[in-house]
Amino acid sequence: MFALSESSPRRLPSIVILVAMSAIGPMALNIFMPSMPGLARHFQVDYGLVQLTLTFYLIGLGLAQLVYGPLSDRYGRRPVLLCGLAIFCVGSLLCALAPSIEMLMIGRAFQAIGGCSGLVLGRAIIRDLYDRDRSAAMIGYVTMAMSLAPMFSPALGGYLDTLFGWRASFAFCAVAGIIVLACVTVTLRETLAEPGLGEGVGAMLRGYGSLLRSPAFCGYALQTAFTSGMFFAFIAGAPFVVVTVMGQPPSSYGLWFMVVSVGYFAGNFCTGRFAVRLGVDRMIGIGAIIGLFGILALAAIGWLGLLTLPGLFLPMAVVALSNGLTLPNGTAGAVSVNPRAAGAAAGLSGALQMLVGAGAAVLVGYGQDLDPSQYPMIWTMLGSGLLAVLAFAVAAKIRTGRT
């Protein structure tokens, strides 16, 4: 269906493997969300401290991506991916056995460090094999299938928590990680045709510096980062809003979150269908407009005091639809600035997404300590959406020489 890039090997990896290794990190992130309000009671700590388990996860995802990309450019996608998946399995076991909230945070960090390997290297592998617009389409198809994991994982996590306790979710992650690691070991071949960046920290920093000096890369990377900030502000604040503000059980969050995942699924499907025809920039512009519409609808519902489960999750599904349009295209744009440094570009852009997401989560957490309502979440989402549009618009003008 799609042509290979000129320098790519002819043997294509199974799309099932690409989806599985890309989904393991988001699954571990989302399966834990329904358990967060209850953990405050279990460990007898403030809810803000429990939210740090999310923040640590996002920081781990962000920082590790800075390393995985350049390492994979130098040593190949396969060995780096195998190491990452092994770390994920160890981190999941640490979380399942954690005797304290502090140990849980450490386990979450290791889980994130390992889980992000599939996110980074899945995108880099696709870019190894396909050209710019076709890679956006393929990332869209893979992400569309991958979105099934965060679609069902909150509901699964809610039921596992209800039936067996919060540790069961992490035990499930450990088993899933071991299965994916075994499948990758047996079936995935190397896709990197030739080394990109040189060895050492200095070469890594020079590669990142070169990318950061590119207005095109910065535009795509910041757009995807602030777009991710909208999503992470929601998942940081929505469990508190659903369970504490609205008085609903954790399972309600898990079930309704499936609506959000359907929106993301639909957006990635549209990317897969139309990215080649419309191009990366048009897809990002369309998605950004749709995202702002969804945030404004959520804000209006909140300000009018009409917040219900449908009123919370249906507008967020529109935002998720926009994410499915903008994130694969923004990622494809970022990793196409310098194809020889596709791993570094994927890692740096992914790191910015996670770090901005972690900042949004912290901002929502502190805001809800001061104002235990839906408003800190809504304001953070709105600010992130506006910054995403601004970053892309400014970069587009720079690239076309109009400023």
Protein backbone atom coordinates (compact mmCIF):
# COMPACT_ATOMS: atom_id res chain seq x y z
CA MET A 1 0.00 0.00 0.00
CA PHE A 2 2.87 2.38 0.76
CA ALA A 3 6.26 2.67 -0.87
CA LEU A 4 9.42 2.18 1.11
CA SER A 5 11.90 5.02 1.49
CA GLU A 6 14.94 4.67 -0.73
CA SER A 7 17.36 3.63 2.01
CA SER A 8 15.11 1.24 3.91
CA PRO A 9 15.38 -2.54 4.06
CA ARG A 10 12.80 -4.50 2.11
CA ARG A 11 11.58 -6.72 4.97
CA LEU A 12 8.74 -4.96 6.80
CA PRO A 13 8.06 -5.62 10.49
CA SER A 14 4.65 -6.95 11.45
CA ILE A 15 2.19 -4.15 12.16
CA VAL A 16 1.04 -6.19 15.16
CA ILE A 17 4.53 -5.91 16.67
CA LEU A 18 4.68 -2.17 15.95
CA VAL A 19 1.31 -1.68 17.63
CA ALA A 20 2.13 -3.86 20.64
CA MET A 21 5.47 -2.25 21.41
CA SER A 22 4.02 1.23 20.94
CA ALA A 23 0.96 0.47 23.10
CA ILE A 24 2.72 -0.95 26.16
CA GLY A 25 3.67 2.47 27.56
CA PRO A 26 0.27 4.16 27.08
CA MET A 27 -1.44 1.08 28.51
CA ALA A 28 0.64 1.29 31.69
CA LEU A 29 -0.08 5.01 31.95
CA ASN A 30 -3.85 4.71 31.62
CA ILE A 31 -4.58 1.44 33.43
CA PHE A 32 -3.55 3.08 36.70
CA MET A 33 -5.74 6.19 36.45
CA PRO A 34 -8.91 4.82 38.15
CA SER A 35 -6.84 3.71 41.16
CA MET A 36 -5.36 7.14 41.91
CA PRO A 37 -8.11 8.53 44.19
CA GLY A 38 -8.16 5.30 46.24
CA LEU A 39 -4.37 5.25 46.68
CA ALA A 40 -4.54 8.37 48.82
CA ARG A 41 -6.60 6.42 51.31
CA HIS A 42 -4.50 3.26 51.01
CA PHE A 43 -1.19 4.99 51.74
CA GLN A 44 -2.81 7.72 53.90
CA VAL A 45 -1.27 10.56 51.90
CA ASP A 46 -2.59 13.67 50.15
CA TYR A 47 -4.05 13.28 46.67
CA GLY A 48 -1.43 15.70 45.37
CA LEU A 49 1.28 13.25 46.41
CA VAL A 50 -0.51 10.42 44.62
CA GLN A 51 -0.60 12.56 41.46
CA LEU A 52 3.20 12.54 41.54
CA THR A 53 3.02 8.91 40.40
CA LEU A 54 1.63 10.31 37.15
CA THR A 55 4.19 13.12 37.06
CA PHE A 56 7.08 10.71 37.66
CA TYR A 57 5.79 8.52 34.86
CA LEU A 58 5.65 11.43 32.42
CA ILE A 59 9.09 12.71 33.45
CA GLY A 60 10.49 9.21 32.99
CA LEU A 61 8.92 9.01 29.55
CA GLY A 62 10.29 12.40 28.60
CA LEU A 63 13.87 12.05 29.80
CA ALA A 64 14.32 8.49 28.53
CA GLN A 65 13.28 9.49 25.02
CA LEU A 66 16.26 11.82 24.89
CA VAL A 67 18.50 8.77 25.23
CA TYR A 68 16.64 6.12 23.22
CA GLY A 69 16.58 8.11 20.00
CA PRO A 70 20.31 8.83 19.64
CA LEU A 71 21.27 5.37 20.93
CA SER A 72 19.04 3.76 18.33
CA ASP A 73 20.50 5.98 15.60
CA ARG A 74 23.96 4.70 16.55
CA TYR A 75 23.44 1.09 17.61
CA GLY A 76 20.22 0.13 15.86
CA ARG A 77 16.55 0.03 16.77
CA ARG A 78 16.33 -3.62 17.83
CA PRO A 79 18.89 -3.92 20.67
CA VAL A 80 17.84 -0.64 22.25
CA LEU A 81 14.18 -1.67 22.07
CA LEU A 82 14.89 -5.01 23.76
CA CYS A 83 16.69 -3.29 26.65
CA GLY A 84 13.82 -0.85 27.07
CA LEU A 85 11.16 -3.55 27.20
CA ALA A 86 13.17 -5.46 29.82
CA ILE A 87 13.32 -2.32 31.99
CA PHE A 88 9.55 -1.95 31.61
CA CYS A 89 8.99 -5.46 32.96
CA VAL A 90 11.23 -4.80 35.98
CA GLY A 91 9.49 -1.48 36.70
CA SER A 92 6.05 -3.09 36.52
CA LEU A 93 7.07 -5.73 39.06
CA LEU A 94 8.45 -3.04 41.37
CA CYS A 95 5.12 -1.23 41.22
CA ALA A 96 3.13 -4.40 41.90
CA LEU A 97 5.23 -5.12 45.02
CA ALA A 98 5.62 -1.50 46.23
CA PRO A 99 5.22 -1.22 50.04
CA SER A 100 5.03 2.59 50.04
CA ILE A 101 4.08 5.52 47.85
CA GLU A 102 7.77 6.40 47.47
CA MET A 103 8.62 2.94 46.12
CA LEU A 104 5.62 3.15 43.81
CA MET A 105 6.98 6.41 42.38
CA ILE A 106 10.35 4.77 41.75
CA GLY A 107 8.70 1.80 40.09
CA ARG A 108 6.59 4.09 37.92
CA ALA A 109 9.72 5.92 36.79
CA PHE A 110 11.37 2.64 35.73
CA GLN A 111 8.14 1.51 34.09
CA ALA A 112 8.06 4.74 32.08
CA ILE A 113 11.73 4.60 31.15
CA GLY A 114 11.20 1.16 29.68
CA GLY A 115 7.77 1.74 28.19
CA CYS A 116 8.76 4.78 26.17
CA SER A 117 11.20 2.70 24.11
CA GLY A 118 8.33 1.38 22.03
CA LEU A 119 6.91 4.85 21.49
CA VAL A 120 10.19 6.32 20.26
CA LEU A 121 11.47 3.40 18.26
CA GLY A 122 8.12 2.55 16.72
CA ARG A 123 8.04 5.99 15.10
CA ALA A 124 11.70 5.79 14.11
CA ILE A 125 11.22 2.33 12.56
CA ILE A 126 8.30 3.64 10.50
CA ARG A 127 10.42 6.59 9.33
CA ASP A 128 13.19 4.14 8.40
CA LEU A 129 10.79 2.45 6.01
CA TYR A 130 8.54 5.20 4.57
CA ASP A 131 8.84 8.73 3.22
CA ARG A 132 7.51 11.85 4.99
CA ASP A 133 3.81 11.90 4.11
CA ARG A 134 3.49 8.13 4.00
CA SER A 135 5.16 7.87 7.40
CA ALA A 136 2.49 10.22 8.76
CA ALA A 137 -0.18 7.91 7.36
CA MET A 138 1.52 4.81 8.79
CA ILE A 139 1.98 6.46 12.20
CA GLY A 140 -1.72 7.29 12.04
CA TYR A 141 -2.68 3.68 11.30
CA VAL A 142 -0.39 2.29 14.01
CA THR A 143 -1.60 4.86 16.54
CA MET A 144 -5.20 4.13 15.57
CA ALA A 145 -4.73 0.47 16.44
CA MET A 146 -2.55 1.34 19.45
CA SER A 147 -5.34 3.55 20.82
CA LEU A 148 -7.26 0.38 21.68
CA ALA A 149 -4.89 -0.06 24.65
CA PRO A 150 -5.66 3.29 26.35
CA MET A 151 -9.30 2.85 25.28
CA PHE A 152 -9.83 -0.29 27.33
CA SER A 153 -7.05 -0.07 29.93
CA PRO A 154 -8.80 2.41 32.29
CA ALA A 155 -11.90 0.21 32.35
CA LEU A 156 -9.73 -2.87 32.87
CA GLY A 157 -7.80 -1.10 35.60
CA GLY A 158 -11.01 -0.05 37.34
CA TYR A 159 -12.33 -3.59 37.42
CA LEU A 160 -8.98 -5.09 38.45
CA ASP A 161 -8.85 -2.56 41.28
CA THR A 162 -12.38 -3.43 42.38
CA LEU A 163 -11.84 -7.20 42.23
CA PHE A 164 -8.22 -7.65 43.29
CA GLY A 165 -6.83 -4.27 44.40
CA TRP A 166 -4.61 -1.72 42.71
CA ARG A 167 -1.57 -4.05 42.55
CA ALA A 168 -3.34 -6.26 40.01
CA SER A 169 -3.03 -3.57 37.33
CA PHE A 170 0.74 -3.55 37.61
CA ALA A 171 0.91 -7.35 37.64
CA PHE A 172 -1.06 -7.29 34.39
CA CYS A 173 1.43 -4.80 32.93
CA ALA A 174 4.35 -7.06 33.89
CA VAL A 175 2.81 -10.07 32.15
CA ALA A 176 1.98 -8.02 29.05
CA GLY A 177 5.52 -6.64 28.95
CA ILE A 178 7.06 -10.09 29.11
CA ILE A 179 4.86 -11.26 26.21
CA VAL A 180 5.76 -8.25 24.04
CA LEU A 181 9.47 -8.64 24.85
CA ALA A 182 9.37 -12.28 23.78
CA CYS A 183 7.56 -11.48 20.52
CA VAL A 184 9.96 -8.65 19.62
CA THR A 185 12.95 -10.88 20.37
CA VAL A 186 11.70 -13.56 18.00
CA THR A 187 10.19 -11.57 15.13
CA LEU A 188 11.59 -8.02 14.82
CA ARG A 189 14.54 -7.46 12.47
CA GLU A 190 16.78 -4.41 12.39
CA THR A 191 15.45 -1.57 10.18
CA LEU A 192 18.23 1.04 10.47
CA ALA A 193 20.09 1.11 7.15
CA GLU A 194 23.12 3.15 8.32
CA PRO A 195 24.28 5.02 11.43
CA GLY A 196 23.10 8.60 11.84
CA LEU A 197 24.54 10.55 14.75
CA GLY A 198 28.03 9.84 16.06
CA GLU A 199 28.97 8.28 19.36
CA GLY A 200 29.18 9.99 22.72
CA VAL A 201 27.40 12.65 24.71
CA GLY A 202 28.96 15.43 22.65
CA ALA A 203 27.58 14.05 19.41
CA MET A 204 24.20 13.55 21.04
CA LEU A 205 24.11 17.17 22.21
CA ARG A 206 25.25 18.42 18.81
CA GLY A 207 22.45 16.43 17.18
CA TYR A 208 19.88 17.92 19.51
CA GLY A 209 21.35 21.37 19.03
CA SER A 210 21.05 21.04 15.27
CA LEU A 211 17.40 20.07 15.60
CA LEU A 212 16.64 22.88 18.04
CA ARG A 213 18.14 25.41 15.64
CA SER A 214 15.64 24.33 12.99
CA PRO A 215 12.45 26.46 13.03
CA ALA A 216 10.60 23.64 11.29
CA PHE A 217 11.52 21.09 13.95
CA CYS A 218 10.72 23.51 16.79
CA GLY A 219 7.34 24.31 15.27
CA TYR A 220 6.34 20.68 14.94
CA ALA A 221 7.81 19.68 18.31
CA LEU A 222 6.23 22.51 20.30
CA GLN A 223 2.89 22.01 18.57
CA THR A 224 2.84 18.34 19.52
CA ALA A 225 4.08 19.14 23.04
CA PHE A 226 1.30 21.60 23.85
CA THR A 227 -1.25 19.36 22.15
CA SER A 228 -0.14 16.60 24.51
CA GLY A 229 -0.42 19.09 27.37
CA MET A 230 -4.17 19.29 26.72
CA PHE A 231 -4.51 15.52 27.06
CA PHE A 232 -2.35 15.14 30.16
CA ALA A 233 -4.11 18.00 31.88
CA PHE A 234 -7.32 16.05 31.38
CA ILE A 235 -6.06 12.71 32.64
CA ALA A 236 -4.47 14.43 35.66
CA GLY A 237 -7.67 16.24 36.59
CA ALA A 238 -10.52 14.06 35.33
CA PRO A 239 -10.22 11.23 37.91
CA PHE A 240 -10.45 13.82 40.70
CA VAL A 241 -13.39 15.55 39.00
CA VAL A 242 -15.25 12.27 38.41
CA VAL A 243 -14.62 10.62 41.79
CA THR A 244 -14.33 13.56 44.20
CA VAL A 245 -16.25 16.44 42.63
CA MET A 246 -19.02 14.42 40.94
CA GLY A 247 -19.12 11.55 43.46
CA GLN A 248 -18.91 8.79 40.82
CA PRO A 249 -17.11 5.41 41.30
CA PRO A 250 -13.68 4.83 39.69
CA SER A 251 -15.24 2.41 37.20
CA SER A 252 -17.27 5.29 35.74
CA TYR A 253 -14.07 7.06 34.75
CA GLY A 254 -12.76 3.90 33.13
CA LEU A 255 -15.91 3.25 31.14
CA TRP A 256 -16.40 6.83 29.97
CA PHE A 257 -12.75 7.18 29.03
CA MET A 258 -13.49 4.74 26.23
CA VAL A 259 -15.43 7.57 24.56
CA VAL A 260 -12.26 9.67 24.57
CA SER A 261 -10.28 6.82 23.06
CA VAL A 262 -12.88 6.42 20.30
CA GLY A 263 -12.28 10.06 19.38
CA TYR A 264 -8.53 9.48 19.26
CA PHE A 265 -9.07 6.32 17.22
CA ALA A 266 -11.18 8.27 14.71
CA GLY A 267 -8.61 11.04 14.41
CA ASN A 268 -5.81 8.60 13.67
CA PHE A 269 -8.00 6.80 11.15
CA CYS A 270 -8.53 10.11 9.34
CA THR A 271 -4.79 10.74 9.41
CA GLY A 272 -4.17 7.36 7.83
CA ARG A 273 -6.72 8.04 5.11
CA PHE A 274 -5.97 11.68 4.27
CA ALA A 275 -2.38 12.54 5.31
CA VAL A 276 -0.89 11.69 1.91
CA ARG A 277 -3.63 13.56 0.05
CA LEU A 278 -3.73 16.71 2.21
CA GLY A 279 -0.19 16.82 3.58
CA VAL A 280 1.16 17.24 7.09
CA ASP A 281 0.58 20.97 7.53
CA ARG A 282 -3.07 20.98 6.46
CA MET A 283 -3.83 18.06 8.76
CA ILE A 284 -2.26 19.89 11.70
CA GLY A 285 -4.23 23.06 10.95
CA ILE A 286 -7.54 21.20 10.73
CA GLY A 287 -6.83 19.30 13.92
CA ALA A 288 -5.85 22.42 15.86
CA ILE A 289 -9.13 24.16 15.02
CA ILE A 290 -11.17 21.10 16.04
CA GLY A 291 -9.23 20.86 19.31
CA LEU A 292 -9.94 24.44 20.30
CA PHE A 293 -13.62 23.91 19.56
CA GLY A 294 -13.71 20.91 21.91
CA ILE A 295 -11.94 22.76 24.73
CA LEU A 296 -14.24 25.76 24.42
CA ALA A 297 -17.27 23.46 24.55
CA LEU A 298 -15.94 21.83 27.73
CA ALA A 299 -15.22 25.24 29.23
CA ALA A 300 -18.73 26.48 28.44
CA ILE A 301 -20.31 23.42 30.03
CA GLY A 302 -18.16 23.85 33.14
CA TRP A 303 -18.83 27.56 33.50
CA LEU A 304 -22.58 27.06 33.07
CA GLY A 305 -22.59 24.51 35.89
CA LEU A 306 -23.89 21.74 33.60
CA LEU A 307 -21.05 19.31 34.15
CA THR A 308 -22.09 15.66 33.88
CA LEU A 309 -20.26 12.55 32.72
CA PRO A 310 -21.36 13.10 29.09
CA GLY A 311 -20.65 16.82 29.44
CA LEU A 312 -17.11 16.04 30.56
CA PHE A 313 -16.15 13.19 28.24
CA LEU A 314 -17.91 14.07 24.97
CA PRO A 315 -16.09 17.42 24.50
CA MET A 316 -12.88 15.65 25.46
CA ALA A 317 -13.59 13.11 22.72
CA VAL A 318 -13.56 16.02 20.26
CA VAL A 319 -10.20 17.13 21.69
CA ALA A 320 -8.94 13.56 21.34
CA LEU A 321 -10.12 13.53 17.72
CA SER A 322 -7.98 16.61 17.11
CA ASN A 323 -5.04 14.92 18.82
CA GLY A 324 -5.38 12.02 16.41
CA LEU A 325 -5.13 14.48 13.53
CA THR A 326 -2.27 16.63 14.84
CA LEU A 327 0.06 14.33 16.78
CA PRO A 328 0.91 11.79 14.02
CA ASN A 329 1.38 14.58 11.49
CA GLY A 330 3.40 16.73 13.88
CA THR A 331 5.56 13.73 14.73
CA ALA A 332 6.08 12.88 11.06
CA GLY A 333 7.05 16.49 10.39
CA ALA A 334 9.52 16.52 13.27
CA VAL A 335 11.27 13.27 12.37
CA SER A 336 11.44 14.27 8.68
CA VAL A 337 13.47 17.45 9.25
CA ASN A 338 16.64 15.33 9.18
CA PRO A 339 15.89 11.68 8.29
CA ARG A 340 19.41 10.59 9.29
CA ALA A 341 18.60 11.75 12.83
CA ALA A 342 15.06 10.36 12.88
CA GLY A 343 15.65 8.59 16.20
CA ALA A 344 17.00 11.73 17.86
CA ALA A 345 14.14 13.81 16.47
CA ALA A 346 11.56 11.27 17.65
CA GLY A 347 13.19 11.21 21.09
CA LEU A 348 13.46 14.98 21.45
CA SER A 349 9.95 15.70 20.24
CA GLY A 350 8.58 12.91 22.42
CA ALA A 351 10.51 14.20 25.42
CA LEU A 352 9.01 17.67 24.96
CA GLN A 353 5.54 16.11 24.83
CA MET A 354 6.04 14.25 28.10
CA LEU A 355 7.73 17.12 29.94
CA VAL A 356 5.04 19.59 28.93
CA GLY A 357 2.47 16.97 29.91
CA ALA A 358 4.16 16.53 33.30
CA GLY A 359 4.10 20.29 33.80
CA ALA A 360 0.41 20.39 32.91
CA ALA A 361 -0.31 17.56 35.36
CA VAL A 362 1.53 19.35 38.18
CA LEU A 363 -0.28 22.59 37.38
CA VAL A 364 -3.64 20.85 37.53
CA GLY A 365 -2.71 19.10 40.78
CA TYR A 366 -1.70 22.31 42.53
CA GLY A 367 -4.74 24.07 41.10
CA GLN A 368 -7.10 21.42 42.46
CA ASP A 369 -5.50 21.70 45.90
CA LEU A 370 -6.43 25.39 45.87
CA ASP A 371 -9.74 25.02 44.02
CA PRO A 372 -11.20 21.48 44.21
CA SER A 373 -13.26 21.76 41.04
CA GLN A 374 -13.08 21.24 37.29
CA TYR A 375 -11.72 24.73 36.59
CA PRO A 376 -7.95 24.10 37.05
CA MET A 377 -8.18 21.30 34.51
CA ILE A 378 -10.18 23.39 32.03
CA TRP A 379 -7.91 26.46 32.26
CA THR A 380 -4.79 24.33 31.79
CA MET A 381 -6.28 22.60 28.76
CA LEU A 382 -7.32 25.90 27.19
CA GLY A 383 -3.88 27.44 27.70
CA SER A 384 -2.17 24.41 26.18
CA GLY A 385 -4.47 24.47 23.16
CA LEU A 386 -3.79 28.14 22.46
CA LEU A 387 -0.04 27.67 22.81
CA ALA A 388 -0.15 24.71 20.40
CA VAL A 389 -1.82 26.82 17.73
CA LEU A 390 0.56 29.74 18.34
CA ALA A 391 3.70 27.58 18.14
CA PHE A 392 2.70 26.05 14.82
CA ALA A 393 1.53 29.36 13.31
CA VAL A 394 4.75 31.20 14.16
CA ALA A 395 6.93 28.36 12.89
CA ALA A 396 4.92 28.14 9.65
CA LYS A 397 5.52 31.83 8.99
CA ILE A 398 9.24 31.45 9.65
CA ARG A 399 9.49 28.50 7.28
CA THR A 400 7.75 30.37 4.48
CA GLY A 401 9.86 33.50 5.01
CA ARG A 402 6.92 35.74 5.85
CA THR A 403 8.44 37.08 9.08
